[in-house]
């Protein structure tokens, strides 16, 4: 299954359309990169993506020990 495209948007636009942003993340699995003056500020990801990232990080840390 291909990864959903990453969406970039300004923080102000995301704030004004937060319900739509959350729906894209939750329902479509999109990652939303929030920017301010073209600089990345944060990324909104689905709970599943976030949990998987935490699990992956824990596995890598255990291998480094």
C-alpha atoms as a PDB file:
ATOM      1  CA  UNK A   1       0.000   0.000   0.000  1.00  0.00           C
ATOM      2  CA  UNK A   2       1.577   3.329  -1.026  1.00  0.00           C
ATOM      3  CA  UNK A   3       2.239   5.999   1.567  1.00  0.00           C
ATOM      4  CA  UNK A   4      -0.210   8.911   1.495  1.00  0.00           C
ATOM      5  CA  UNK A   5       1.222  12.178   0.234  1.00  0.00           C
ATOM      6  CA  UNK A   6       2.587  14.690   2.679  1.00  0.00           C
ATOM      7  CA  UNK A   7       0.629  17.940   2.902  1.00  0.00           C
ATOM      8  CA  UNK A   8       2.390  21.208   3.740  1.00  0.00           C
ATOM      9  CA  UNK A   9       0.450  24.166   5.068  1.00  0.00           C
ATOM     10  CA  UNK A  10       0.957  27.295   7.067  1.00  0.00           C
ATOM     11  CA  UNK A  11       0.179  27.277  10.769  1.00  0.00           C
ATOM     12  CA  UNK A  12      -2.485  29.981  10.278  1.00  0.00           C
ATOM     13  CA  UNK A  13      -4.203  27.992   7.509  1.00  0.00           C
ATOM     14  CA  UNK A  14      -4.154  24.856   9.637  1.00  0.00           C
ATOM     15  CA  UNK A  15      -5.646  26.728  12.585  1.00  0.00           C
ATOM     16  CA  UNK A  16      -8.423  28.120  10.394  1.00  0.00           C
ATOM     17  CA  UNK A  17      -9.188  24.661   8.972  1.00  0.00           C
ATOM     18  CA  UNK A  18      -8.316  22.413  11.893  1.00  0.00           C
ATOM     19  CA  UNK A  19     -11.330  20.100  11.502  1.00  0.00           C
ATOM     20  CA  UNK A  20     -10.393  19.445   7.868  1.00  0.00           C
ATOM     21  CA  UNK A  21      -6.718  18.931   8.760  1.00  0.00           C
ATOM     22  CA  UNK A  22      -7.600  16.395  11.447  1.00  0.00           C
ATOM     23  CA  UNK A  23      -9.901  14.557   9.037  1.00  0.00           C
ATOM     24  CA  UNK A  24      -7.137  14.281   6.423  1.00  0.00           C
ATOM     25  CA  UNK A  25      -4.742  12.918   9.012  1.00  0.00           C
ATOM     26  CA  UNK A  26      -7.225  10.537  10.638  1.00  0.00           C
ATOM     27  CA  UNK A  27      -9.138   9.299   7.608  1.00  0.00           C
ATOM     28  CA  UNK A  28      -6.555   9.495   4.818  1.00  0.00           C
ATOM     29  CA  UNK A  29      -3.426   8.895   6.853  1.00  0.00           C
ATOM     30  CA  UNK A  30      -1.810  12.043   5.497  1.00  0.00           C
ATOM     31  CA  UNK A  31       1.021  13.694   7.368  1.00  0.00           C
ATOM     32  CA  UNK A  32       0.600  17.455   7.617  1.00  0.00           C
ATOM     33  CA  UNK A  33       3.752  19.548   7.899  1.00  0.00           C
ATOM     34  CA  UNK A  34       3.004  22.895   9.490  1.00  0.00           C
ATOM     35  CA  UNK A  35       5.145  25.779   8.325  1.00  0.00           C
ATOM     36  CA  UNK A  36       5.735  29.378   9.248  1.00  0.00           C
ATOM     37  CA  UNK A  37       7.637  31.531   6.766  1.00  0.00           C
ATOM     38  CA  UNK A  38       8.522  28.386   4.809  1.00  0.00           C
ATOM     39  CA  UNK A  39      10.230  26.815   7.851  1.00  0.00           C
ATOM     40  CA  UNK A  40       8.890  23.556   9.247  1.00  0.00           C
ATOM     41  CA  UNK A  41       7.377  24.006  12.696  1.00  0.00           C
ATOM     42  CA  UNK A  42       5.633  20.714  13.459  1.00  0.00           C
ATOM     43  CA  UNK A  43       4.115  17.627  11.868  1.00  0.00           C
ATOM     44  CA  UNK A  44       0.642  16.244  12.538  1.00  0.00           C
ATOM     45  CA  UNK A  45       0.444  12.467  12.175  1.00  0.00           C
ATOM     46  CA  UNK A  46      -2.139   9.800  12.885  1.00  0.00           C
ATOM     47  CA  UNK A  47      -2.092   8.019  16.250  1.00  0.00           C
ATOM     48  CA  UNK A  48      -1.102   4.770  14.486  1.00  0.00           C
ATOM     49  CA  UNK A  49       1.866   6.441  12.782  1.00  0.00           C
ATOM     50  CA  UNK A  50       2.931   8.021  16.074  1.00  0.00           C
ATOM     51  CA  UNK A  51       2.703   4.739  18.006  1.00  0.00           C
ATOM     52  CA  UNK A  52       4.675   2.940  15.296  1.00  0.00           C
ATOM     53  CA  UNK A  53       7.364   5.635  15.409  1.00  0.00           C
ATOM     54  CA  UNK A  54       7.635   5.239  19.200  1.00  0.00           C
ATOM     55  CA  UNK A  55       7.870   1.447  18.865  1.00  0.00           C
ATOM     56  CA  UNK A  56      10.537   1.756  16.162  1.00  0.00           C
ATOM     57  CA  UNK A  57      12.533   4.160  18.303  1.00  0.00           C
ATOM     58  CA  UNK A  58      12.354   1.840  21.317  1.00  0.00           C
ATOM     59  CA  UNK A  59      13.563  -1.094  19.178  1.00  0.00           C
ATOM     60  CA  UNK A  60      16.483   0.920  17.845  1.00  0.00           C
ATOM     61  CA  UNK A  61      17.444   2.067  21.323  1.00  0.00           C
ATOM     62  CA  UNK A  62      17.361  -1.524  22.624  1.00  0.00           C
ATOM     63  CA  UNK A  63      19.642  -2.629  19.770  1.00  0.00           C
ATOM     64  CA  UNK A  64      22.132   0.120  20.600  1.00  0.00           C
ATOM     65  CA  UNK A  65      22.558  -1.184  24.176  1.00  0.00           C
END
